[in-house]
PDB file of N, CA and C in Angstrom:
ATOM      1  N   UNK A   1      44.491  61.032 113.101  1.00  0.00           N
ATOM      2  CA  UNK A   1      43.047  61.070 113.132  1.00  0.00           C
ATOM      3  C   UNK A   1      42.526  61.888 111.969  1.00  0.00           C
ATOM      4  N   UNK A   2      41.495  61.397 111.356  1.00  0.00           N
ATOM      5  CA  UNK A   2      40.842  62.132 110.278  1.00  0.00           C
ATOM      6  C   UNK A   2      39.405  62.373 110.714  1.00  0.00           C
ATOM      7  N   UNK A   3      38.984  63.607 110.579  1.00  0.00           N
ATOM      8  CA  UNK A   3      37.607  63.912 110.943  1.00  0.00           C
ATOM      9  C   UNK A   3      36.896  64.534 109.745  1.00  0.00           C
ATOM     10  N   UNK A   4      35.588  64.317 109.666  1.00  0.00           N
ATOM     11  CA  UNK A   4      34.839  64.895 108.549  1.00  0.00           C
ATOM     12  C   UNK A   4      34.917  66.417 108.587  1.00  0.00           C
ATOM     13  N   UNK A   5      35.130  67.024 107.433  1.00  0.00           N
ATOM     14  CA  UNK A   5      35.306  68.468 107.394  1.00  0.00           C
ATOM     15  C   UNK A   5      34.013  69.225 107.169  1.00  0.00           C
ATOM     16  N   UNK A   6      33.003  68.563 106.655  1.00  0.00           N
ATOM     17  CA  UNK A   6      31.764  69.273 106.380  1.00  0.00           C
ATOM     18  C   UNK A   6      30.620  68.703 107.201  1.00  0.00           C
ATOM     19  N   UNK A   7      29.603  69.513 107.346  1.00  0.00           N
ATOM     20  CA  UNK A   7      28.433  69.102 108.110  1.00  0.00           C
ATOM     21  C   UNK A   7      27.639  68.069 107.308  1.00  0.00           C
ATOM     22  N   UNK A   8      27.087  67.099 108.008  1.00  0.00           N
ATOM     23  CA  UNK A   8      26.300  66.064 107.349  1.00  0.00           C
ATOM     24  C   UNK A   8      24.999  66.664 106.810  1.00  0.00           C
ATOM     25  N   UNK A   9      24.617  66.252 105.613  1.00  0.00           N
ATOM     26  CA  UNK A   9      23.370  66.722 105.012  1.00  0.00           C
ATOM     27  C   UNK A   9      22.185  66.199 105.815  1.00  0.00           C
ATOM     28  N   UNK A  10      21.163  67.019 105.912  1.00  0.00           N
ATOM     29  CA  UNK A  10      19.963  66.648 106.647  1.00  0.00           C
ATOM     30  C   UNK A  10      18.739  66.777 105.761  1.00  0.00           C
ATOM     31  N   UNK A  11      17.765  65.926 106.006  1.00  0.00           N
ATOM     32  CA  UNK A  11      16.474  66.050 105.351  1.00  0.00           C
ATOM     33  C   UNK A  11      15.668  67.092 106.110  1.00  0.00           C
ATOM     34  N   UNK A  12      14.924  67.923 105.370  1.00  0.00           N
ATOM     35  CA  UNK A  12      14.032  68.883 106.015  1.00  0.00           C
ATOM     36  C   UNK A  12      12.927  69.270 105.047  1.00  0.00           C
ATOM     37  N   UNK A  13      11.856  69.769 105.600  1.00  0.00           N
ATOM     38  CA  UNK A  13      10.728  70.246 104.807  1.00  0.00           C
ATOM     39  C   UNK A  13      10.921  71.739 104.588  1.00  0.00           C
ATOM     40  N   UNK A  14      10.990  72.155 103.333  1.00  0.00           N
ATOM     41  CA  UNK A  14      11.237  73.574 103.050  1.00  0.00           C
ATOM     42  C   UNK A  14      10.139  74.466 103.612  1.00  0.00           C
ATOM     43  N   UNK A  15       8.952  73.938 103.773  1.00  0.00           N
ATOM     44  CA  UNK A  15       7.838  74.733 104.276  1.00  0.00           C
ATOM     45  C   UNK A  15       7.976  75.170 105.719  1.00  0.00           C
ATOM     46  N   UNK A  16       8.867  74.550 106.483  1.00  0.00           N
ATOM     47  CA  UNK A  16       9.023  74.934 107.886  1.00  0.00           C
ATOM     48  C   UNK A  16      10.176  75.915 108.092  1.00  0.00           C
ATOM     49  N   UNK A  17      10.958  76.164 107.042  1.00  0.00           N
ATOM     50  CA  UNK A  17      12.076  77.107 107.134  1.00  0.00           C
ATOM     51  C   UNK A  17      11.736  78.375 106.362  1.00  0.00           C
ATOM     52  N   UNK A  18      11.904  79.521 106.997  1.00  0.00           N
ATOM     53  CA  UNK A  18      11.593  80.778 106.326  1.00  0.00           C
ATOM     54  C   UNK A  18      12.785  81.336 105.565  1.00  0.00           C
ATOM     55  N   UNK A  19      13.988  80.991 105.976  1.00  0.00           N
ATOM     56  CA  UNK A  19      15.199  81.528 105.366  1.00  0.00           C
ATOM     57  C   UNK A  19      15.656  80.622 104.223  1.00  0.00           C
ATOM     58  N   UNK A  20      15.418  81.055 102.976  1.00  0.00           N
ATOM     59  CA  UNK A  20      15.756  80.222 101.821  1.00  0.00           C
ATOM     60  C   UNK A  20      17.257  80.026 101.644  1.00  0.00           C
ATOM     61  N   UNK A  21      18.074  80.830 102.304  1.00  0.00           N
ATOM     62  CA  UNK A  21      19.525  80.618 102.197  1.00  0.00           C
ATOM     63  C   UNK A  21      19.925  79.303 102.858  1.00  0.00           C
ATOM     64  N   UNK A  22      19.071  78.773 103.735  1.00  0.00           N
ATOM     65  CA  UNK A  22      19.353  77.486 104.377  1.00  0.00           C
ATOM     66  C   UNK A  22      19.207  76.319 103.401  1.00  0.00           C
ATOM     67  N   UNK A  23      18.594  76.558 102.229  1.00  0.00           N
ATOM     68  CA  UNK A  23      18.426  75.509 101.224  1.00  0.00           C
ATOM     69  C   UNK A  23      19.691  75.333 100.389  1.00  0.00           C
ATOM     70  N   UNK A  24      20.609  76.255 100.492  1.00  0.00           N
ATOM     71  CA  UNK A  24      21.807  76.289  99.650  1.00  0.00           C
ATOM     72  C   UNK A  24      22.671  75.050  99.860  1.00  0.00           C
ATOM     73  N   UNK A  25      23.179  74.492  98.766  1.00  0.00           N
ATOM     74  CA  UNK A  25      24.110  73.366  98.844  1.00  0.00           C
ATOM     75  C   UNK A  25      25.508  73.932  98.683  1.00  0.00           C
ATOM     76  N   UNK A  26      26.307  73.854  99.730  1.00  0.00           N
ATOM     77  CA  UNK A  26      27.626  74.482  99.747  1.00  0.00           C
ATOM     78  C   UNK A  26      28.552  73.923  98.675  1.00  0.00           C
ATOM     79  N   UNK A  27      28.715  72.617  98.629  1.00  0.00           N
ATOM     80  CA  UNK A  27      29.683  72.006  97.713  1.00  0.00           C
ATOM     81  C   UNK A  27      29.309  72.221  96.247  1.00  0.00           C
ATOM     82  N   UNK A  28      28.021  72.159  95.940  1.00  0.00           N
ATOM     83  CA  UNK A  28      27.578  72.351  94.558  1.00  0.00           C
ATOM     84  C   UNK A  28      27.341  73.819  94.218  1.00  0.00           C
ATOM     85  N   UNK A  29      27.278  74.659  95.253  1.00  0.00           N
ATOM     86  CA  UNK A  29      27.033  76.094  95.098  1.00  0.00           C
ATOM     87  C   UNK A  29      25.759  76.358  94.291  1.00  0.00           C
ATOM     88  N   UNK A  30      24.685  75.702  94.709  1.00  0.00           N
ATOM     89  CA  UNK A  30      23.379  75.922  94.090  1.00  0.00           C
ATOM     90  C   UNK A  30      22.399  76.352  95.178  1.00  0.00           C
ATOM     91  N   UNK A  31      21.456  77.252  94.837  1.00  0.00           N
ATOM     92  CA  UNK A  31      20.553  77.778  95.865  1.00  0.00           C
ATOM     93  C   UNK A  31      19.519  76.776  96.370  1.00  0.00           C
ATOM     94  N   UNK A  32      19.103  75.839  95.522  1.00  0.00           N
ATOM     95  CA  UNK A  32      18.117  74.836  95.914  1.00  0.00           C
ATOM     96  C   UNK A  32      18.635  73.463  95.508  1.00  0.00           C
ATOM     97  N   UNK A  33      18.373  72.484  96.344  1.00  0.00           N
ATOM     98  CA  UNK A  33      18.912  71.153  96.074  1.00  0.00           C
ATOM     99  C   UNK A  33      18.056  70.114  96.768  1.00  0.00           C
ATOM    100  N   UNK A  34      17.861  69.006  96.107  1.00  0.00           N
ATOM    101  CA  UNK A  34      17.299  67.829  96.752  1.00  0.00           C
ATOM    102  C   UNK A  34      18.059  66.628  96.211  1.00  0.00           C
ATOM    103  N   UNK A  35      17.984  65.554  96.909  1.00  0.00           N
ATOM    104  CA  UNK A  35      18.644  64.355  96.412  1.00  0.00           C
ATOM    105  C   UNK A  35      17.759  63.163  96.695  1.00  0.00           C
ATOM    106  N   UNK A  36      17.806  62.221  95.793  1.00  0.00           N
ATOM    107  CA  UNK A  36      17.108  60.969  96.001  1.00  0.00           C
ATOM    108  C   UNK A  36      17.699  59.941  95.062  1.00  0.00           C
ATOM    109  N   UNK A  37      17.525  58.712  95.430  1.00  0.00           N
ATOM    110  CA  UNK A  37      17.964  57.609  94.580  1.00  0.00           C
ATOM    111  C   UNK A  37      16.726  56.782  94.279  1.00  0.00           C
ATOM    112  N   UNK A  38      16.896  55.537  94.095  1.00  0.00           N
ATOM    113  CA  UNK A  38      15.766  54.660  93.842  1.00  0.00           C
ATOM    114  C   UNK A  38      14.861  54.626  95.069  1.00  0.00           C
ATOM    115  N   UNK A  39      13.562  54.828  94.888  1.00  0.00           N
ATOM    116  CA  UNK A  39      12.669  54.851  96.053  1.00  0.00           C
ATOM    117  C   UNK A  39      12.477  53.502  96.735  1.00  0.00           C
ATOM    118  N   UNK A  40      13.125  52.463  96.258  1.00  0.00           N
ATOM    119  CA  UNK A  40      13.015  51.182  96.966  1.00  0.00           C
ATOM    120  C   UNK A  40      14.088  51.048  98.040  1.00  0.00           C
ATOM    121  N   UNK A  41      15.022  52.010  98.109  1.00  0.00           N
ATOM    122  CA  UNK A  41      16.137  51.887  99.043  1.00  0.00           C
ATOM    123  C   UNK A  41      15.866  52.552 100.388  1.00  0.00           C
ATOM    124  N   UNK A  42      15.333  53.767 100.359  1.00  0.00           N
ATOM    125  CA  UNK A  42      15.144  54.515 101.605  1.00  0.00           C
ATOM    126  C   UNK A  42      13.774  55.179 101.604  1.00  0.00           C
ATOM    127  N   UNK A  43      13.187  55.262 102.787  1.00  0.00           N
ATOM    128  CA  UNK A  43      11.882  55.905 102.899  1.00  0.00           C
ATOM    129  C   UNK A  43      11.968  57.373 102.515  1.00  0.00           C
ATOM    130  N   UNK A  44      13.063  58.034 102.872  1.00  0.00           N
ATOM    131  CA  UNK A  44      13.219  59.451 102.518  1.00  0.00           C
ATOM    132  C   UNK A  44      13.130  59.642 101.006  1.00  0.00           C
ATOM    133  N   UNK A  45      13.651  58.699 100.243  1.00  0.00           N
ATOM    134  CA  UNK A  45      13.587  58.789  98.782  1.00  0.00           C
ATOM    135  C   UNK A  45      12.148  58.652  98.282  1.00  0.00           C
ATOM    136  N   UNK A  46      11.374  57.807  98.933  1.00  0.00           N
ATOM    137  CA  UNK A  46       9.959  57.659  98.574  1.00  0.00           C
ATOM    138  C   UNK A  46       9.239  58.982  98.794  1.00  0.00           C
ATOM    139  N   UNK A  47       9.488  59.614  99.930  1.00  0.00           N
ATOM    140  CA  UNK A  47       8.846  60.889 100.247  1.00  0.00           C
ATOM    141  C   UNK A  47       9.221  61.939  99.208  1.00  0.00           C
ATOM    142  N   UNK A  48      10.503  62.037  98.869  1.00  0.00           N
ATOM    143  CA  UNK A  48      10.946  63.018  97.870  1.00  0.00           C
ATOM    144  C   UNK A  48      10.281  62.748  96.521  1.00  0.00           C
ATOM    145  N   UNK A  49      10.239  61.495  96.098  1.00  0.00           N
ATOM    146  CA  UNK A  49       9.592  61.152  94.825  1.00  0.00           C
ATOM    147  C   UNK A  49       8.123  61.570  94.837  1.00  0.00           C
ATOM    148  N   UNK A  50       7.425  61.277  95.917  1.00  0.00           N
ATOM    149  CA  UNK A  50       6.000  61.615  95.993  1.00  0.00           C
ATOM    150  C   UNK A  50       5.782  63.122  95.970  1.00  0.00           C
ATOM    151  N   UNK A  51       6.580  63.857  96.742  1.00  0.00           N
ATOM    152  CA  UNK A  51       6.424  65.311  96.783  1.00  0.00           C
ATOM    153  C   UNK A  51       6.775  65.951  95.447  1.00  0.00           C
ATOM    154  N   UNK A  52       7.844  65.494  94.827  1.00  0.00           N
ATOM    155  CA  UNK A  52       8.246  66.030  93.527  1.00  0.00           C
ATOM    156  C   UNK A  52       7.189  65.718  92.467  1.00  0.00           C
ATOM    157  N   UNK A  53       6.686  64.508  92.483  1.00  0.00           N
ATOM    158  CA  UNK A  53       5.648  64.112  91.533  1.00  0.00           C
ATOM    159  C   UNK A  53       4.394  64.966  91.711  1.00  0.00           C
ATOM    160  N   UNK A  54       4.004  65.206  92.956  1.00  0.00           N
ATOM    161  CA  UNK A  54       2.830  66.039  93.227  1.00  0.00           C
ATOM    162  C   UNK A  54       3.069  67.483  92.798  1.00  0.00           C
ATOM    163  N   UNK A  55       4.270  67.994  93.035  1.00  0.00           N
ATOM    164  CA  UNK A  55       4.553  69.386  92.668  1.00  0.00           C
ATOM    165  C   UNK A  55       4.585  69.578  91.155  1.00  0.00           C
ATOM    166  N   UNK A  56       4.895  68.519  90.411  1.00  0.00           N
ATOM    167  CA  UNK A  56       4.899  68.584  88.945  1.00  0.00           C
ATOM    168  C   UNK A  56       3.528  68.265  88.351  1.00  0.00           C
ATOM    169  N   UNK A  57       2.561  67.949  89.212  1.00  0.00           N
ATOM    170  CA  UNK A  57       1.210  67.667  88.758  1.00  0.00           C
ATOM    171  C   UNK A  57       1.007  66.263  88.229  1.00  0.00           C
ATOM    172  N   UNK A  58       1.959  65.393  88.441  1.00  0.00           N
ATOM    173  CA  UNK A  58       1.858  64.019  87.948  1.00  0.00           C
ATOM    174  C   UNK A  58       1.040  63.127  88.874  1.00  0.00           C
ATOM    175  N   UNK A  59       0.745  63.616  90.052  1.00  0.00           N
ATOM    176  CA  UNK A  59      -0.087  62.861  90.982  1.00  0.00           C
ATOM    177  C   UNK A  59      -0.857  63.850  91.842  1.00  0.00           C
ATOM    178  N   UNK A  60      -1.796  63.354  92.620  1.00  0.00           N
ATOM    179  CA  UNK A  60      -2.598  64.220  93.483  1.00  0.00           C
ATOM    180  C   UNK A  60      -1.713  64.904  94.508  1.00  0.00           C
ATOM    181  N   UNK A  61      -2.102  66.107  94.920  1.00  0.00           N
ATOM    182  CA  UNK A  61      -1.321  66.784  95.968  1.00  0.00           C
ATOM    183  C   UNK A  61      -1.256  65.942  97.244  1.00  0.00           C
ATOM    184  N   UNK A  62      -0.159  66.073  97.948  1.00  0.00           N
ATOM    185  CA  UNK A  62       0.026  65.354  99.210  1.00  0.00           C
ATOM    186  C   UNK A  62      -0.833  66.030 100.272  1.00  0.00           C
ATOM    187  N   UNK A  63      -1.653  65.260 100.950  1.00  0.00           N
ATOM    188  CA  UNK A  63      -2.535  65.815 101.979  1.00  0.00           C
ATOM    189  C   UNK A  63      -1.894  65.652 103.353  1.00  0.00           C
ATOM    190  N   UNK A  64      -0.768  66.311 103.526  1.00  0.00           N
ATOM    191  CA  UNK A  64      -0.063  66.274 104.811  1.00  0.00           C
ATOM    192  C   UNK A  64       0.340  67.689 105.175  1.00  0.00           C
ATOM    193  N   UNK A  65       0.268  67.988 106.438  1.00  0.00           N
ATOM    194  CA  UNK A  65       0.753  69.277 106.916  1.00  0.00           C
ATOM    195  C   UNK A  65       2.269  69.295 106.829  1.00  0.00           C
ATOM    196  N   UNK A  66       2.826  70.477 106.619  1.00  0.00           N
ATOM    197  CA  UNK A  66       4.289  70.582 106.514  1.00  0.00           C
ATOM    198  C   UNK A  66       4.978  70.128 107.794  1.00  0.00           C
ATOM    199  N   UNK A  67       4.321  70.307 108.930  1.00  0.00           N
ATOM    200  CA  UNK A  67       4.911  69.858 110.194  1.00  0.00           C
ATOM    201  C   UNK A  67       5.020  68.332 110.238  1.00  0.00           C
ATOM    202  N   UNK A  68       4.035  67.645 109.656  1.00  0.00           N
ATOM    203  CA  UNK A  68       4.075  66.178 109.612  1.00  0.00           C
ATOM    204  C   UNK A  68       5.193  65.706 108.687  1.00  0.00           C
ATOM    205  N   UNK A  69       5.383  66.420 107.576  1.00  0.00           N
ATOM    206  CA  UNK A  69       6.481  66.077 106.667  1.00  0.00           C
ATOM    207  C   UNK A  69       7.815  66.309 107.366  1.00  0.00           C
ATOM    208  N   UNK A  70       7.917  67.408 108.128  1.00  0.00           N
ATOM    209  CA  UNK A  70       9.157  67.682 108.863  1.00  0.00           C
ATOM    210  C   UNK A  70       9.407  66.609 109.917  1.00  0.00           C
ATOM    211  N   UNK A  71       8.341  66.131 110.549  1.00  0.00           N
ATOM    212  CA  UNK A  71       8.495  65.065 111.544  1.00  0.00           C
ATOM    213  C   UNK A  71       9.057  63.805 110.883  1.00  0.00           C
ATOM    214  N   UNK A  72       8.586  63.488 109.676  1.00  0.00           N
ATOM    215  CA  UNK A  72       9.136  62.344 108.939  1.00  0.00           C
ATOM    216  C   UNK A  72      10.604  62.586 108.595  1.00  0.00           C
ATOM    217  N   UNK A  73      10.926  63.819 108.187  1.00  0.00           N
ATOM    218  CA  UNK A  73      12.318  64.159 107.860  1.00  0.00           C
ATOM    219  C   UNK A  73      13.203  63.995 109.089  1.00  0.00           C
ATOM    220  N   UNK A  74      12.724  64.451 110.242  1.00  0.00           N
ATOM    221  CA  UNK A  74      13.490  64.299 111.485  1.00  0.00           C
ATOM    222  C   UNK A  74      13.743  62.822 111.796  1.00  0.00           C
ATOM    223  N   UNK A  75      12.717  62.003 111.613  1.00  0.00           N
ATOM    224  CA  UNK A  75      12.863  60.565 111.862  1.00  0.00           C
ATOM    225  C   UNK A  75      13.893  59.957 110.903  1.00  0.00           C
ATOM    226  N   UNK A  76      13.823  60.343 109.634  1.00  0.00           N
ATOM    227  CA  UNK A  76      14.805  59.841 108.654  1.00  0.00           C
ATOM    228  C   UNK A  76      16.218  60.278 109.031  1.00  0.00           C
ATOM    229  N   UNK A  77      16.367  61.521 109.498  1.00  0.00           N
ATOM    230  CA  UNK A  77      17.680  61.999 109.948  1.00  0.00           C
ATOM    231  C   UNK A  77      18.182  61.186 111.133  1.00  0.00           C
ATOM    232  N   UNK A  78      17.292  60.919 112.091  1.00  0.00           N
ATOM    233  CA  UNK A  78      17.679  60.121 113.265  1.00  0.00           C
ATOM    234  C   UNK A  78      18.149  58.729 112.851  1.00  0.00           C
ATOM    235  N   UNK A  79      17.404  58.091 111.954  1.00  0.00           N
ATOM    236  CA  UNK A  79      17.768  56.750 111.493  1.00  0.00           C
ATOM    237  C   UNK A  79      19.081  56.776 110.711  1.00  0.00           C
ATOM    238  N   UNK A  80      19.279  57.808 109.900  1.00  0.00           N
ATOM    239  CA  UNK A  80      20.512  57.915 109.117  1.00  0.00           C
ATOM    240  C   UNK A  80      21.718  58.091 110.041  1.00  0.00           C
ATOM    241  N   UNK A  81      21.569  58.940 111.076  1.00  0.00           N
ATOM    242  CA  UNK A  81      22.674  59.151 112.023  1.00  0.00           C
ATOM    243  C   UNK A  81      22.952  57.890 112.840  1.00  0.00           C
ATOM    244  N   UNK A  82      21.885  57.190 113.247  1.00  0.00           N
ATOM    245  CA  UNK A  82      22.068  55.947 114.007  1.00  0.00           C
ATOM    246  C   UNK A  82      22.772  54.901 113.152  1.00  0.00           C
ATOM    247  N   UNK A  83      22.389  54.810 111.899  1.00  0.00           N
ATOM    248  CA  UNK A  83      23.023  53.857 110.987  1.00  0.00           C
ATOM    249  C   UNK A  83      24.499  54.185 110.794  1.00  0.00           C
ATOM    250  N   UNK A  84      24.796  55.459 110.633  1.00  0.00           N
ATOM    251  CA  UNK A  84      26.196  55.881 110.464  1.00  0.00           C
ATOM    252  C   UNK A  84      27.005  55.556 111.714  1.00  0.00           C
ATOM    253  N   UNK A  85      26.413  55.787 112.872  1.00  0.00           N
ATOM    254  CA  UNK A  85      27.107  55.510 114.135  1.00  0.00           C
ATOM    255  C   UNK A  85      27.373  54.011 114.291  1.00  0.00           C
ATOM    256  N   UNK A  86      26.407  53.178 113.968  1.00  0.00           N
ATOM    257  CA  UNK A  86      26.595  51.728 114.049  1.00  0.00           C
ATOM    258  C   UNK A  86      27.693  51.289 113.083  1.00  0.00           C
ATOM    259  N   UNK A  87      27.705  51.865 111.898  1.00  0.00           N
ATOM    260  CA  UNK A  87      28.751  51.540 110.920  1.00  0.00           C
ATOM    261  C   UNK A  87      30.134  51.899 111.470  1.00  0.00           C
ATOM    262  N   UNK A  88      30.253  53.078 112.091  1.00  0.00           N
ATOM    263  CA  UNK A  88      31.535  53.501 112.670  1.00  0.00           C
ATOM    264  C   UNK A  88      31.959  52.582 113.808  1.00  0.00           C
ATOM    265  N   UNK A  89      31.019  52.244 114.686  1.00  0.00           N
ATOM    266  CA  UNK A  89      31.327  51.359 115.807  1.00  0.00           C
ATOM    267  C   UNK A  89      31.729  49.970 115.320  1.00  0.00           C
ATOM    268  N   UNK A  90      31.061  49.491 114.293  1.00  0.00           N
ATOM    269  CA  UNK A  90      31.405  48.190 113.723  1.00  0.00           C
ATOM    270  C   UNK A  90      32.822  48.208 113.156  1.00  0.00           C
ATOM    271  N   UNK A  91      33.171  49.261 112.446  1.00  0.00           N
ATOM    272  CA  UNK A  91      34.527  49.378 111.891  1.00  0.00           C
ATOM    273  C   UNK A  91      35.557  49.418 113.011  1.00  0.00           C
ATOM    274  N   UNK A  92      35.259  50.170 114.083  1.00  0.00           N
ATOM    275  CA  UNK A  92      36.169  50.235 115.235  1.00  0.00           C
ATOM    276  C   UNK A  92      36.347  48.860 115.874  1.00  0.00           C
ATOM    277  N   UNK A  93      35.240  48.149 116.043  1.00  0.00           N
ATOM    278  CA  UNK A  93      35.290  46.821 116.649  1.00  0.00           C
ATOM    279  C   UNK A  93      36.149  45.870 115.819  1.00  0.00           C
ATOM    280  N   UNK A  94      35.902  45.805 114.541  1.00  0.00           N
ATOM    281  CA  UNK A  94      36.656  44.880 113.697  1.00  0.00           C
ATOM    282  C   UNK A  94      38.114  45.288 113.559  1.00  0.00           C
ATOM    283  N   UNK A  95      38.400  46.585 113.605  1.00  0.00           N
ATOM    284  CA  UNK A  95      39.792  47.021 113.577  1.00  0.00           C
ATOM    285  C   UNK A  95      40.502  46.591 114.857  1.00  0.00           C
ATOM    286  N   UNK A  96      39.818  46.750 116.002  1.00  0.00           N
ATOM    287  CA  UNK A  96      40.440  46.346 117.269  1.00  0.00           C
ATOM    288  C   UNK A  96      40.674  44.835 117.309  1.00  0.00           C
ATOM    289  N   UNK A  97      39.748  44.054 116.763  1.00  0.00           N
ATOM    290  CA  UNK A  97      39.943  42.599 116.689  1.00  0.00           C
ATOM    291  C   UNK A  97      41.111  42.282 115.769  1.00  0.00           C
ATOM    292  N   UNK A  98      41.192  42.959 114.645  1.00  0.00           N
ATOM    293  CA  UNK A  98      42.285  42.762 113.693  1.00  0.00           C
ATOM    294  C   UNK A  98      43.635  43.026 114.353  1.00  0.00           C
ATOM    295  N   UNK A  99      43.744  44.129 115.087  1.00  0.00           N
ATOM    296  CA  UNK A  99      44.999  44.481 115.762  1.00  0.00           C
ATOM    297  C   UNK A  99      45.303  43.480 116.868  1.00  0.00           C
ATOM    298  N   UNK A 100      44.305  43.111 117.636  1.00  0.00           N
ATOM    299  CA  UNK A 100      44.489  42.192 118.764  1.00  0.00           C
ATOM    300  C   UNK A 100      44.993  40.824 118.302  1.00  0.00           C
ATOM    301  N   UNK A 101      44.445  40.324 117.223  1.00  0.00           N
ATOM    302  CA  UNK A 101      44.831  39.015 116.694  1.00  0.00           C
ATOM    303  C   UNK A 101      46.281  39.028 116.226  1.00  0.00           C
ATOM    304  N   UNK A 102      46.763  40.146 115.784  1.00  0.00           N
ATOM    305  CA  UNK A 102      48.113  40.225 115.237  1.00  0.00           C
ATOM    306  C   UNK A 102      49.182  40.584 116.270  1.00  0.00           C
ATOM    307  N   UNK A 103      48.808  40.799 117.498  1.00  0.00           N
ATOM    308  CA  UNK A 103      49.797  41.114 118.544  1.00  0.00           C
ATOM    309  C   UNK A 103      50.280  39.884 119.261  1.00  0.00           C
TER     310      UNK A 103
END
Protein backbone atom coordinates (compact mmCIF):
# COMPACT_ATOMS: atom_id res chain seq x y z
CA UNK A 1 0.00 0.00 0.00
CA UNK A 2 1.18 3.48 -0.81
CA UNK A 3 -0.33 6.44 0.92
CA UNK A 4 0.18 10.14 0.29
CA UNK A 5 2.84 11.52 2.60
CA UNK A 6 1.88 15.17 2.57
CA UNK A 7 -1.29 17.05 3.29
CA UNK A 8 -3.35 18.10 0.28
CA UNK A 9 -3.12 21.79 -0.59
CA UNK A 10 -6.22 23.82 0.15
CA UNK A 11 -7.59 27.06 -1.19
CA UNK A 12 -8.17 29.75 1.44
CA UNK A 13 -8.61 33.48 1.77
CA UNK A 14 -5.62 35.01 3.54
CA UNK A 15 -7.89 37.64 5.07
CA UNK A 16 -9.61 35.09 7.31
CA UNK A 17 -6.37 33.68 8.78
CA UNK A 18 -4.45 35.72 11.34
CA UNK A 19 -1.39 33.46 11.54
CA UNK A 20 0.78 34.16 8.48
CA UNK A 21 2.85 31.04 9.15
CA UNK A 22 -0.15 29.10 7.79
CA UNK A 23 0.60 30.61 4.34
CA UNK A 24 3.97 28.83 4.21
CA UNK A 25 4.53 26.29 1.43
CA UNK A 26 6.41 23.39 2.98
CA UNK A 27 7.88 21.77 -0.14
CA UNK A 28 9.00 25.05 -1.71
CA UNK A 29 9.99 26.55 1.66
CA UNK A 30 8.52 29.94 0.82
CA UNK A 31 6.52 32.10 3.26
CA UNK A 32 3.78 33.05 0.78
CA UNK A 33 2.47 31.06 -2.14
CA UNK A 34 -0.40 30.92 -4.55
CA UNK A 35 -0.95 28.77 -7.56
CA UNK A 36 -3.07 29.05 -10.64
CA UNK A 37 -3.10 27.83 -14.18
CA UNK A 38 -5.17 28.95 -17.11
CA UNK A 39 -8.38 30.55 -15.81
CA UNK A 40 -10.45 28.58 -18.30
CA UNK A 41 -9.78 25.32 -16.44
CA UNK A 42 -10.93 25.87 -12.86
CA UNK A 43 -13.06 28.44 -11.10
CA UNK A 44 -10.45 28.74 -8.34
CA UNK A 45 -7.96 29.91 -10.99
CA UNK A 46 -10.40 32.60 -12.16
CA UNK A 47 -10.74 33.86 -8.59
CA UNK A 48 -6.95 33.96 -8.10
CA UNK A 49 -6.47 35.81 -11.41
CA UNK A 50 -9.11 38.39 -10.49
CA UNK A 51 -7.76 38.96 -6.98
CA UNK A 52 -4.16 39.19 -8.16
CA UNK A 53 -5.13 41.57 -10.96
CA UNK A 54 -7.04 43.78 -8.51
CA UNK A 55 -4.17 43.77 -6.01
CA UNK A 56 -1.77 44.91 -8.76
CA UNK A 57 -4.16 47.70 -9.75
CA UNK A 58 -4.86 46.28 -13.19
CA UNK A 59 -8.58 46.09 -12.50
CA UNK A 60 -11.13 47.48 -10.05
CA UNK A 61 -10.96 46.19 -6.49
CA UNK A 62 -13.06 43.11 -5.79
CA UNK A 63 -16.22 44.11 -3.93
CA UNK A 64 -16.56 40.95 -1.87
CA UNK A 65 -16.19 40.36 1.82
CA UNK A 66 -13.32 38.10 2.79
CA UNK A 67 -15.82 35.66 4.29
CA UNK A 68 -17.54 35.34 0.90
CA UNK A 69 -14.19 34.67 -0.76
CA UNK A 70 -13.45 32.03 1.89
CA UNK A 71 -16.84 30.45 1.22
CA UNK A 72 -15.90 30.17 -2.47
CA UNK A 73 -12.53 28.68 -1.47
CA UNK A 74 -14.30 26.11 0.73
CA UNK A 75 -16.58 25.16 -2.16
CA UNK A 76 -13.59 24.78 -4.50
CA UNK A 77 -11.88 22.58 -1.89
CA UNK A 78 -15.00 20.42 -1.57
CA UNK A 79 -15.24 19.99 -5.35
CA UNK A 80 -11.52 19.22 -5.63
CA UNK A 81 -11.73 16.55 -2.90
CA UNK A 82 -14.87 15.04 -4.44
CA UNK A 83 -13.19 14.91 -7.84
CA UNK A 84 -10.11 13.24 -6.36
CA UNK A 85 -12.28 10.70 -4.56
CA UNK A 86 -14.21 9.85 -7.74
CA UNK A 87 -10.91 9.44 -9.59
CA UNK A 88 -9.64 7.04 -6.89
CA UNK A 89 -12.88 5.04 -6.90
CA UNK A 90 -12.82 4.83 -10.68
CA UNK A 91 -9.24 3.51 -10.63
CA UNK A 92 -10.22 0.94 -7.98
CA UNK A 93 -13.23 -0.17 -10.03
CA UNK A 94 -11.29 -0.61 -13.25
CA UNK A 95 -8.45 -2.39 -11.44
CA UNK A 96 -10.93 -4.84 -9.89
CA UNK A 97 -12.49 -5.46 -13.33
CA UNK A 98 -9.02 -5.96 -14.81
CA UNK A 99 -8.12 -8.54 -12.13
CA UNK A 100 -11.50 -10.28 -12.34
CA UNK A 101 -11.31 -10.71 -16.11
CA UNK A 102 -7.89 -12.32 -15.83
CA UNK A 103 -8.81 -14.90 -13.17
